[in-house]
Amino acid sequence: MPCATGTRESIEASKEHYTKQRELDRTDPVRILWRSLVARMHHTDGGYLSLSDAEKRYVAVGLLDGEVYNGGFDQYFFNSASSYYSDALLGLEGIGATTSLELLLKAKKIVFGFDSVPVDTSARRQISRPLSASQSSRLDHLDKLFWADPDNLSDRIEAFLRRHSLIRDVA
C-alpha cells in the first residue's frame, strides 16, 4: 500500500526533484557550460587538450569537487579525475580557494609523499595502493574538512567563470 507506507509521497518528491534538476539543466549557465565542456572532452578529437586554460581549470576543479564529495580524496586519486591534478591546483589558486588548495596538497602528500602525481591512472594506482590505515584515516579527516566547503567553491567557481566570460545569464 503505497500511501500507508509513504511510498507515494516519496515517489512524488523524487519526481519533483528530478523535474527541478532538468529545469536547471536548461537554465543554469554553470550547468550548461559543464555539459558542453564534458561533451567537447569526450566527443571531439582534441578532447581535454582542446579546452582553453580557464576551461581546463574549471573542469579540473569540478572533477576534484565531484570525486571528493562522492568518495573522498582517496577516490579522487584512484580515478581518472586526478590526471588533471596540476590544473586542479591552478584552478583552486585561480579562484582563490586557498583552504581547498591546502587540503588537496595535504592529501597529495599523504598519498604520494614528495613524488609527483602521475598523469597516467594505472601508474598512479600502482604507486598509491594499498593505502595504510594511517593514510586512510588522515585522508578521511581531510575529506570532512573539504566537505565543510570552507571556500564556498560554487560561488568562487561562478565568479571565475564570469571573470573569464565563460558564462552569462541565460535569457
N, C-alpha and C. Protein backbone atom coordinates (compact mmCIF):
# COMPACT_ATOMS: atom_id res chain seq x y z
N MET A 1 0.84 -1.18 0.00
CA MET A 1 0.00 0.00 0.00
C MET A 1 0.89 1.24 0.00
N PRO A 2 1.08 1.85 -1.15
CA PRO A 2 1.99 2.99 -1.25
C PRO A 2 1.66 4.15 -0.33
N CYS A 3 0.39 4.48 -0.17
CA CYS A 3 0.03 5.66 0.63
C CYS A 3 0.30 5.45 2.11
N ALA A 4 0.00 4.25 2.64
CA ALA A 4 0.18 3.97 4.06
C ALA A 4 1.65 3.96 4.46
N THR A 5 2.52 3.54 3.55
CA THR A 5 3.95 3.45 3.88
C THR A 5 4.72 4.72 3.54
N GLY A 6 4.04 5.66 2.89
CA GLY A 6 4.72 6.90 2.50
C GLY A 6 5.43 6.79 1.17
N THR A 7 5.29 5.65 0.50
CA THR A 7 5.97 5.44 -0.77
C THR A 7 5.48 6.44 -1.83
N ARG A 8 4.18 6.66 -1.89
CA ARG A 8 3.62 7.59 -2.88
C ARG A 8 4.22 8.98 -2.67
N GLU A 9 4.30 9.41 -1.42
CA GLU A 9 4.89 10.72 -1.12
C GLU A 9 6.34 10.77 -1.56
N SER A 10 7.07 9.71 -1.33
CA SER A 10 8.47 9.64 -1.73
C SER A 10 8.61 9.67 -3.25
N ILE A 11 7.75 8.96 -3.94
CA ILE A 11 7.78 8.95 -5.40
C ILE A 11 7.50 10.34 -5.94
N GLU A 12 6.52 11.01 -5.39
CA GLU A 12 6.18 12.37 -5.83
C GLU A 12 7.31 13.34 -5.55
N ALA A 13 7.94 13.22 -4.39
CA ALA A 13 9.07 14.10 -4.05
C ALA A 13 10.23 13.87 -5.03
N SER A 14 10.46 12.62 -5.37
CA SER A 14 11.53 12.29 -6.31
C SER A 14 11.23 12.86 -7.69
N LYS A 15 9.99 12.74 -8.14
CA LYS A 15 9.60 13.30 -9.43
C LYS A 15 9.82 14.81 -9.44
N GLU A 16 9.43 15.46 -8.36
CA GLU A 16 9.59 16.92 -8.27
C GLU A 16 11.07 17.29 -8.29
N HIS A 17 11.88 16.55 -7.56
CA HIS A 17 13.32 16.80 -7.53
C HIS A 17 13.91 16.73 -8.94
N TYR A 18 13.61 15.65 -9.66
CA TYR A 18 14.19 15.47 -10.98
C TYR A 18 13.62 16.45 -12.00
N THR A 19 12.39 16.89 -11.81
CA THR A 19 11.83 17.93 -12.68
C THR A 19 12.61 19.23 -12.49
N LYS A 20 12.91 19.57 -11.24
CA LYS A 20 13.69 20.77 -10.95
C LYS A 20 15.10 20.65 -11.52
N GLN A 21 15.70 19.45 -11.41
CA GLN A 21 17.04 19.25 -11.94
C GLN A 21 17.07 19.42 -13.45
N ARG A 22 16.07 18.90 -14.16
CA ARG A 22 16.01 19.06 -15.62
C ARG A 22 15.83 20.52 -15.99
N GLU A 23 15.05 21.25 -15.22
CA GLU A 23 14.87 22.69 -15.47
C GLU A 23 16.20 23.42 -15.30
N LEU A 24 16.94 23.09 -14.24
CA LEU A 24 18.25 23.71 -14.02
C LEU A 24 19.22 23.36 -15.16
N ASP A 25 19.13 22.14 -15.67
CA ASP A 25 19.99 21.75 -16.80
C ASP A 25 19.75 22.65 -18.02
N ARG A 26 18.55 23.19 -18.14
CA ARG A 26 18.23 24.06 -19.27
C ARG A 26 18.49 25.53 -18.99
N THR A 27 18.51 25.93 -17.71
CA THR A 27 18.56 27.35 -17.39
C THR A 27 19.80 27.81 -16.63
N ASP A 28 20.46 26.93 -15.91
CA ASP A 28 21.61 27.32 -15.09
C ASP A 28 22.86 27.41 -15.98
N PRO A 29 23.45 28.61 -16.11
CA PRO A 29 24.59 28.76 -17.02
C PRO A 29 25.80 27.91 -16.64
N VAL A 30 25.99 27.65 -15.36
CA VAL A 30 27.13 26.83 -14.94
C VAL A 30 26.92 25.38 -15.39
N ARG A 31 25.71 24.87 -15.22
CA ARG A 31 25.40 23.50 -15.68
C ARG A 31 25.49 23.38 -17.19
N ILE A 32 25.00 24.39 -17.87
CA ILE A 32 25.04 24.38 -19.34
C ILE A 32 26.50 24.33 -19.81
N LEU A 33 27.35 25.16 -19.21
CA LEU A 33 28.77 25.15 -19.57
C LEU A 33 29.40 23.80 -19.26
N TRP A 34 29.13 23.26 -18.08
CA TRP A 34 29.71 21.97 -17.69
C TRP A 34 29.38 20.90 -18.72
N ARG A 35 28.12 20.81 -19.08
CA ARG A 35 27.71 19.78 -20.03
C ARG A 35 28.37 19.99 -21.40
N SER A 36 28.52 21.23 -21.81
CA SER A 36 29.16 21.48 -23.11
C SER A 36 30.64 21.12 -23.08
N LEU A 37 31.31 21.39 -21.97
CA LEU A 37 32.73 21.04 -21.86
C LEU A 37 32.94 19.54 -21.79
N VAL A 38 32.09 18.85 -21.06
CA VAL A 38 32.17 17.39 -20.99
C VAL A 38 31.96 16.80 -22.38
N ALA A 39 30.99 17.34 -23.11
CA ALA A 39 30.74 16.86 -24.47
C ALA A 39 31.97 17.09 -25.36
N ARG A 40 32.58 18.27 -25.24
CA ARG A 40 33.78 18.56 -26.04
C ARG A 40 34.91 17.61 -25.67
N MET A 41 35.06 17.34 -24.38
CA MET A 41 36.13 16.46 -23.92
C MET A 41 35.97 15.05 -24.47
N HIS A 42 34.74 14.58 -24.52
CA HIS A 42 34.51 13.18 -24.86
C HIS A 42 34.09 12.94 -26.30
N HIS A 43 33.72 13.99 -27.02
CA HIS A 43 33.18 13.78 -28.36
C HIS A 43 33.88 14.60 -29.45
N THR A 44 35.04 15.15 -29.14
CA THR A 44 35.81 15.84 -30.17
C THR A 44 37.21 15.26 -30.19
N ASP A 45 37.87 15.42 -31.31
CA ASP A 45 39.21 14.86 -31.46
C ASP A 45 40.20 15.46 -30.46
N GLY A 46 40.08 16.74 -30.18
CA GLY A 46 41.03 17.40 -29.28
C GLY A 46 40.83 17.05 -27.82
N GLY A 47 39.62 16.62 -27.46
CA GLY A 47 39.34 16.25 -26.07
C GLY A 47 39.68 17.36 -25.09
N TYR A 48 40.22 16.97 -23.97
CA TYR A 48 40.57 17.91 -22.90
C TYR A 48 41.56 18.96 -23.41
N LEU A 49 42.47 18.56 -24.27
CA LEU A 49 43.50 19.49 -24.75
C LEU A 49 42.93 20.61 -25.60
N SER A 50 41.70 20.43 -26.11
CA SER A 50 41.08 21.48 -26.93
C SER A 50 40.48 22.59 -26.07
N LEU A 51 40.40 22.38 -24.77
CA LEU A 51 39.81 23.39 -23.89
C LEU A 51 40.81 24.51 -23.64
N SER A 52 40.28 25.71 -23.39
CA SER A 52 41.15 26.83 -23.00
C SER A 52 41.71 26.56 -21.61
N ASP A 53 42.72 27.33 -21.21
CA ASP A 53 43.28 27.15 -19.87
C ASP A 53 42.22 27.35 -18.79
N ALA A 54 41.39 28.38 -18.93
CA ALA A 54 40.34 28.63 -17.94
C ALA A 54 39.34 27.47 -17.89
N GLU A 55 38.99 26.94 -19.06
CA GLU A 55 38.06 25.80 -19.11
C GLU A 55 38.68 24.56 -18.47
N LYS A 56 39.96 24.32 -18.73
CA LYS A 56 40.64 23.17 -18.12
C LYS A 56 40.65 23.29 -16.60
N ARG A 57 40.91 24.47 -16.11
CA ARG A 57 40.97 24.67 -14.66
C ARG A 57 39.60 24.48 -14.03
N TYR A 58 38.57 24.98 -14.71
CA TYR A 58 37.21 24.79 -14.22
C TYR A 58 36.85 23.31 -14.19
N VAL A 59 37.14 22.60 -15.27
CA VAL A 59 36.83 21.17 -15.34
C VAL A 59 37.61 20.42 -14.25
N ALA A 60 38.89 20.72 -14.11
CA ALA A 60 39.72 20.02 -13.12
C ALA A 60 39.21 20.24 -11.70
N VAL A 61 38.80 21.46 -11.39
CA VAL A 61 38.25 21.74 -10.05
C VAL A 61 36.90 21.05 -9.90
N GLY A 62 36.09 21.07 -10.95
CA GLY A 62 34.79 20.40 -10.89
C GLY A 62 34.93 18.90 -10.68
N LEU A 63 35.90 18.29 -11.35
CA LEU A 63 36.13 16.86 -11.17
C LEU A 63 36.64 16.56 -9.76
N LEU A 64 37.56 17.38 -9.28
CA LEU A 64 38.05 17.23 -7.90
C LEU A 64 36.88 17.30 -6.92
N ASP A 65 36.08 18.33 -7.06
CA ASP A 65 34.95 18.55 -6.16
C ASP A 65 34.00 17.36 -6.19
N GLY A 66 33.65 16.90 -7.38
CA GLY A 66 32.73 15.78 -7.51
C GLY A 66 33.28 14.50 -6.92
N GLU A 67 34.54 14.21 -7.18
CA GLU A 67 35.14 12.97 -6.65
C GLU A 67 35.27 13.01 -5.14
N VAL A 68 35.72 14.13 -4.59
CA VAL A 68 35.90 14.20 -3.14
C VAL A 68 34.54 14.12 -2.43
N TYR A 69 33.53 14.78 -2.97
CA TYR A 69 32.20 14.69 -2.36
C TYR A 69 31.61 13.29 -2.51
N ASN A 70 31.98 12.59 -3.57
CA ASN A 70 31.43 11.25 -3.80
C ASN A 70 32.15 10.18 -3.00
N GLY A 71 33.47 10.27 -2.91
CA GLY A 71 34.20 9.19 -2.24
C GLY A 71 35.47 9.62 -1.55
N GLY A 72 35.69 10.92 -1.46
CA GLY A 72 36.86 11.41 -0.74
C GLY A 72 38.10 11.56 -1.62
N PHE A 73 39.15 12.05 -0.99
CA PHE A 73 40.42 12.23 -1.71
C PHE A 73 40.97 10.91 -2.21
N ASP A 74 40.73 9.83 -1.47
CA ASP A 74 41.17 8.51 -1.92
C ASP A 74 40.57 8.20 -3.28
N GLN A 75 39.28 8.42 -3.44
CA GLN A 75 38.62 8.17 -4.73
C GLN A 75 39.17 9.11 -5.80
N TYR A 76 39.39 10.37 -5.44
CA TYR A 76 39.92 11.33 -6.41
C TYR A 76 41.24 10.83 -6.99
N PHE A 77 42.17 10.41 -6.13
CA PHE A 77 43.48 9.98 -6.62
C PHE A 77 43.42 8.62 -7.30
N PHE A 78 42.43 7.80 -6.99
CA PHE A 78 42.29 6.48 -7.62
C PHE A 78 41.70 6.60 -9.02
N ASN A 79 40.79 7.53 -9.22
CA ASN A 79 40.09 7.65 -10.51
C ASN A 79 40.83 8.58 -11.47
N SER A 80 40.33 8.62 -12.69
CA SER A 80 40.99 9.39 -13.75
C SER A 80 40.96 10.90 -13.52
N ALA A 81 40.08 11.38 -12.65
CA ALA A 81 39.97 12.83 -12.41
C ALA A 81 41.30 13.44 -12.00
N SER A 82 42.10 12.70 -11.24
CA SER A 82 43.37 13.28 -10.78
C SER A 82 44.44 13.29 -11.85
N SER A 83 44.11 12.82 -13.05
CA SER A 83 45.02 13.02 -14.18
C SER A 83 45.16 14.52 -14.46
N TYR A 84 44.19 15.29 -13.99
CA TYR A 84 44.18 16.74 -14.19
C TYR A 84 44.57 17.48 -12.91
N TYR A 85 45.31 16.80 -12.05
CA TYR A 85 45.72 17.35 -10.75
C TYR A 85 46.39 18.72 -10.89
N SER A 86 47.32 18.86 -11.82
CA SER A 86 48.03 20.14 -11.98
C SER A 86 47.07 21.27 -12.31
N ASP A 87 46.09 21.01 -13.16
CA ASP A 87 45.10 22.03 -13.49
C ASP A 87 44.17 22.29 -12.31
N ALA A 88 43.91 21.27 -11.49
CA ALA A 88 43.10 21.49 -10.30
C ALA A 88 43.82 22.44 -9.33
N LEU A 89 45.12 22.26 -9.18
CA LEU A 89 45.90 23.17 -8.34
C LEU A 89 45.80 24.60 -8.86
N LEU A 90 46.02 24.76 -10.16
CA LEU A 90 45.95 26.09 -10.77
C LEU A 90 44.53 26.67 -10.67
N GLY A 91 43.55 25.82 -10.82
CA GLY A 91 42.16 26.26 -10.74
C GLY A 91 41.81 26.74 -9.34
N LEU A 92 42.18 25.96 -8.33
CA LEU A 92 41.89 26.38 -6.95
C LEU A 92 42.61 27.68 -6.62
N GLU A 93 43.83 27.79 -7.08
CA GLU A 93 44.58 29.04 -6.88
C GLU A 93 43.89 30.19 -7.60
N GLY A 94 43.46 29.95 -8.84
CA GLY A 94 42.82 30.98 -9.66
C GLY A 94 41.51 31.49 -9.11
N ILE A 95 40.78 30.62 -8.40
CA ILE A 95 39.51 31.07 -7.83
C ILE A 95 39.67 31.56 -6.40
N GLY A 96 40.89 31.47 -5.88
CA GLY A 96 41.15 31.95 -4.52
C GLY A 96 40.68 31.00 -3.44
N ALA A 97 40.61 29.72 -3.75
CA ALA A 97 40.15 28.71 -2.78
C ALA A 97 41.36 28.17 -2.02
N THR A 98 41.91 29.01 -1.17
CA THR A 98 43.18 28.69 -0.50
C THR A 98 43.08 27.51 0.46
N THR A 99 41.98 27.39 1.17
CA THR A 99 41.84 26.27 2.11
C THR A 99 41.67 24.96 1.35
N SER A 100 40.86 24.95 0.31
CA SER A 100 40.69 23.75 -0.51
C SER A 100 42.00 23.36 -1.16
N LEU A 101 42.76 24.33 -1.62
CA LEU A 101 44.07 24.08 -2.20
C LEU A 101 44.99 23.43 -1.18
N GLU A 102 45.00 23.97 0.02
CA GLU A 102 45.84 23.42 1.10
C GLU A 102 45.43 21.97 1.41
N LEU A 103 44.13 21.70 1.44
CA LEU A 103 43.65 20.34 1.70
C LEU A 103 44.09 19.38 0.59
N LEU A 104 44.00 19.82 -0.65
CA LEU A 104 44.42 18.99 -1.78
C LEU A 104 45.92 18.69 -1.69
N LEU A 105 46.72 19.69 -1.37
CA LEU A 105 48.16 19.47 -1.25
C LEU A 105 48.48 18.51 -0.11
N LYS A 106 47.77 18.63 1.01
CA LYS A 106 47.98 17.70 2.13
C LYS A 106 47.59 16.28 1.73
N ALA A 107 46.47 16.14 1.03
CA ALA A 107 46.03 14.81 0.59
C ALA A 107 47.05 14.20 -0.36
N LYS A 108 47.56 15.00 -1.27
CA LYS A 108 48.59 14.52 -2.22
C LYS A 108 49.81 14.03 -1.46
N LYS A 109 50.20 14.76 -0.44
CA LYS A 109 51.39 14.38 0.32
C LYS A 109 51.16 13.07 1.08
N ILE A 110 49.94 12.87 1.59
CA ILE A 110 49.62 11.62 2.29
C ILE A 110 49.73 10.44 1.34
N VAL A 111 49.25 10.61 0.12
CA VAL A 111 49.21 9.51 -0.83
C VAL A 111 50.54 9.33 -1.57
N PHE A 112 51.17 10.43 -1.99
CA PHE A 112 52.34 10.34 -2.87
C PHE A 112 53.62 10.88 -2.24
N GLY A 113 53.55 11.39 -1.04
CA GLY A 113 54.73 11.97 -0.42
C GLY A 113 55.21 13.16 -1.23
N PHE A 114 56.50 13.20 -1.48
CA PHE A 114 57.07 14.31 -2.24
C PHE A 114 57.13 14.02 -3.75
N ASP A 115 56.66 12.84 -4.15
CA ASP A 115 56.64 12.49 -5.57
C ASP A 115 55.52 13.24 -6.27
N SER A 116 55.66 13.38 -7.58
CA SER A 116 54.61 13.99 -8.40
C SER A 116 53.43 13.04 -8.51
N VAL A 117 52.27 13.59 -8.81
CA VAL A 117 51.08 12.79 -9.07
C VAL A 117 51.15 12.35 -10.53
N PRO A 118 51.27 11.06 -10.79
CA PRO A 118 51.33 10.61 -12.19
C PRO A 118 50.05 10.95 -12.94
N VAL A 119 50.20 11.37 -14.18
CA VAL A 119 49.04 11.67 -15.03
C VAL A 119 48.33 10.37 -15.40
N ASP A 120 49.10 9.32 -15.63
CA ASP A 120 48.53 8.03 -16.03
C ASP A 120 47.83 7.36 -14.85
N THR A 121 46.57 7.00 -15.06
CA THR A 121 45.76 6.43 -13.98
C THR A 121 46.35 5.13 -13.45
N SER A 122 46.75 4.22 -14.33
CA SER A 122 47.27 2.93 -13.85
C SER A 122 48.59 3.11 -13.10
N ALA A 123 49.43 4.02 -13.55
CA ALA A 123 50.69 4.30 -12.83
C ALA A 123 50.38 4.88 -11.45
N ARG A 124 49.40 5.77 -11.39
CA ARG A 124 49.01 6.37 -10.12
C ARG A 124 48.50 5.30 -9.16
N ARG A 125 47.71 4.39 -9.67
CA ARG A 125 47.16 3.33 -8.82
C ARG A 125 48.24 2.40 -8.29
N GLN A 126 49.24 2.11 -9.10
CA GLN A 126 50.32 1.24 -8.64
C GLN A 126 51.12 1.88 -7.52
N ILE A 127 51.35 3.17 -7.64
CA ILE A 127 52.13 3.88 -6.63
C ILE A 127 51.35 4.05 -5.34
N SER A 128 50.05 4.32 -5.46
CA SER A 128 49.28 4.72 -4.29
C SER A 128 48.57 3.58 -3.57
N ARG A 129 48.71 2.35 -4.03
CA ARG A 129 47.98 1.24 -3.43
C ARG A 129 48.93 0.21 -2.85
N PRO A 130 48.54 -0.43 -1.78
CA PRO A 130 47.37 -0.14 -0.95
C PRO A 130 47.67 0.99 0.03
N LEU A 131 46.64 1.72 0.41
CA LEU A 131 46.81 2.74 1.43
C LEU A 131 46.87 2.08 2.80
N SER A 132 47.68 2.64 3.68
CA SER A 132 47.74 2.13 5.05
C SER A 132 46.54 2.64 5.83
N ALA A 133 46.29 2.07 6.97
CA ALA A 133 45.20 2.53 7.84
C ALA A 133 45.44 3.98 8.26
N SER A 134 46.69 4.32 8.50
CA SER A 134 47.02 5.69 8.88
C SER A 134 46.73 6.66 7.74
N GLN A 135 47.12 6.29 6.52
CA GLN A 135 46.83 7.15 5.38
C GLN A 135 45.32 7.33 5.20
N SER A 136 44.59 6.25 5.27
CA SER A 136 43.12 6.33 5.12
C SER A 136 42.50 7.21 6.18
N SER A 137 42.96 7.08 7.39
CA SER A 137 42.41 7.88 8.49
C SER A 137 42.70 9.37 8.27
N ARG A 138 43.93 9.68 7.87
CA ARG A 138 44.28 11.09 7.63
C ARG A 138 43.51 11.66 6.44
N LEU A 139 43.30 10.85 5.40
CA LEU A 139 42.50 11.30 4.26
C LEU A 139 41.04 11.52 4.67
N ASP A 140 40.52 10.64 5.50
CA ASP A 140 39.13 10.79 5.98
C ASP A 140 38.96 12.13 6.69
N HIS A 141 39.96 12.49 7.48
CA HIS A 141 39.90 13.79 8.18
C HIS A 141 39.89 14.95 7.18
N LEU A 142 40.74 14.87 6.17
CA LEU A 142 40.77 15.93 5.15
C LEU A 142 39.47 15.97 4.35
N ASP A 143 38.88 14.80 4.09
CA ASP A 143 37.58 14.75 3.40
C ASP A 143 36.55 15.58 4.15
N LYS A 144 36.48 15.37 5.44
CA LYS A 144 35.48 16.09 6.25
C LYS A 144 35.72 17.60 6.21
N LEU A 145 36.98 17.99 6.24
CA LEU A 145 37.29 19.42 6.15
C LEU A 145 36.89 19.98 4.79
N PHE A 146 37.12 19.23 3.73
CA PHE A 146 36.75 19.67 2.38
C PHE A 146 35.23 19.76 2.27
N TRP A 147 34.53 18.75 2.78
CA TRP A 147 33.07 18.71 2.69
C TRP A 147 32.42 19.89 3.41
N ALA A 148 33.12 20.48 4.37
CA ALA A 148 32.59 21.65 5.07
C ALA A 148 32.57 22.88 4.16
N ASP A 149 33.16 22.77 2.98
CA ASP A 149 33.19 23.82 1.96
C ASP A 149 33.72 25.15 2.51
N PRO A 150 34.94 25.14 3.04
CA PRO A 150 35.49 26.33 3.68
C PRO A 150 35.67 27.53 2.74
N ASP A 151 35.76 27.27 1.44
CA ASP A 151 35.98 28.34 0.48
C ASP A 151 34.73 28.72 -0.30
N ASN A 152 33.62 28.06 -0.01
CA ASN A 152 32.38 28.30 -0.76
C ASN A 152 32.68 28.18 -2.26
N LEU A 153 33.08 26.97 -2.65
CA LEU A 153 33.57 26.73 -4.00
C LEU A 153 32.60 27.13 -5.10
N SER A 154 31.32 26.82 -4.94
CA SER A 154 30.39 27.11 -6.04
C SER A 154 30.34 28.60 -6.37
N ASP A 155 30.35 29.45 -5.35
CA ASP A 155 30.35 30.89 -5.61
C ASP A 155 31.65 31.35 -6.25
N ARG A 156 32.76 30.81 -5.77
CA ARG A 156 34.07 31.17 -6.34
C ARG A 156 34.18 30.70 -7.79
N ILE A 157 33.68 29.50 -8.06
CA ILE A 157 33.72 28.97 -9.42
C ILE A 157 32.89 29.85 -10.34
N GLU A 158 31.68 30.19 -9.91
CA GLU A 158 30.82 31.03 -10.75
C GLU A 158 31.47 32.39 -11.02
N ALA A 159 32.07 32.99 -10.01
CA ALA A 159 32.75 34.27 -10.21
C ALA A 159 33.92 34.12 -11.20
N PHE A 160 34.67 33.03 -11.09
CA PHE A 160 35.77 32.75 -12.01
C PHE A 160 35.25 32.61 -13.44
N LEU A 161 34.16 31.88 -13.60
CA LEU A 161 33.59 31.68 -14.94
C LEU A 161 33.11 33.00 -15.55
N ARG A 162 32.53 33.84 -14.73
CA ARG A 162 32.08 35.15 -15.22
C ARG A 162 33.28 36.04 -15.57
N ARG A 163 34.30 36.02 -14.72
CA ARG A 163 35.50 36.81 -14.98
C ARG A 163 36.16 36.43 -16.30
N HIS A 164 36.08 35.15 -16.65
CA HIS A 164 36.69 34.68 -17.89
C HIS A 164 35.69 34.59 -19.03
N SER A 165 34.53 35.20 -18.83
CA SER A 165 33.48 35.26 -19.84
C SER A 165 33.08 33.87 -20.36
N LEU A 166 33.09 32.91 -19.47
CA LEU A 166 32.69 31.55 -19.85
C LEU A 166 31.20 31.31 -19.65
N ILE A 167 30.58 32.14 -18.82
CA ILE A 167 29.12 32.05 -18.65
C ILE A 167 28.54 33.44 -18.68
N ARG A 168 27.28 33.47 -18.99
CA ARG A 168 26.47 34.68 -18.87
C ARG A 168 25.07 34.21 -18.52
N ASP A 169 24.26 35.12 -18.09
CA ASP A 169 22.91 34.75 -17.73
C ASP A 169 22.14 34.30 -18.97
N VAL A 170 21.35 33.25 -18.78
CA VAL A 170 20.52 32.74 -19.89
C VAL A 170 19.24 33.53 -19.92
N ALA A 171 18.85 33.98 -21.13
CA ALA A 171 17.64 34.79 -21.26
C ALA A 171 16.41 33.93 -21.16
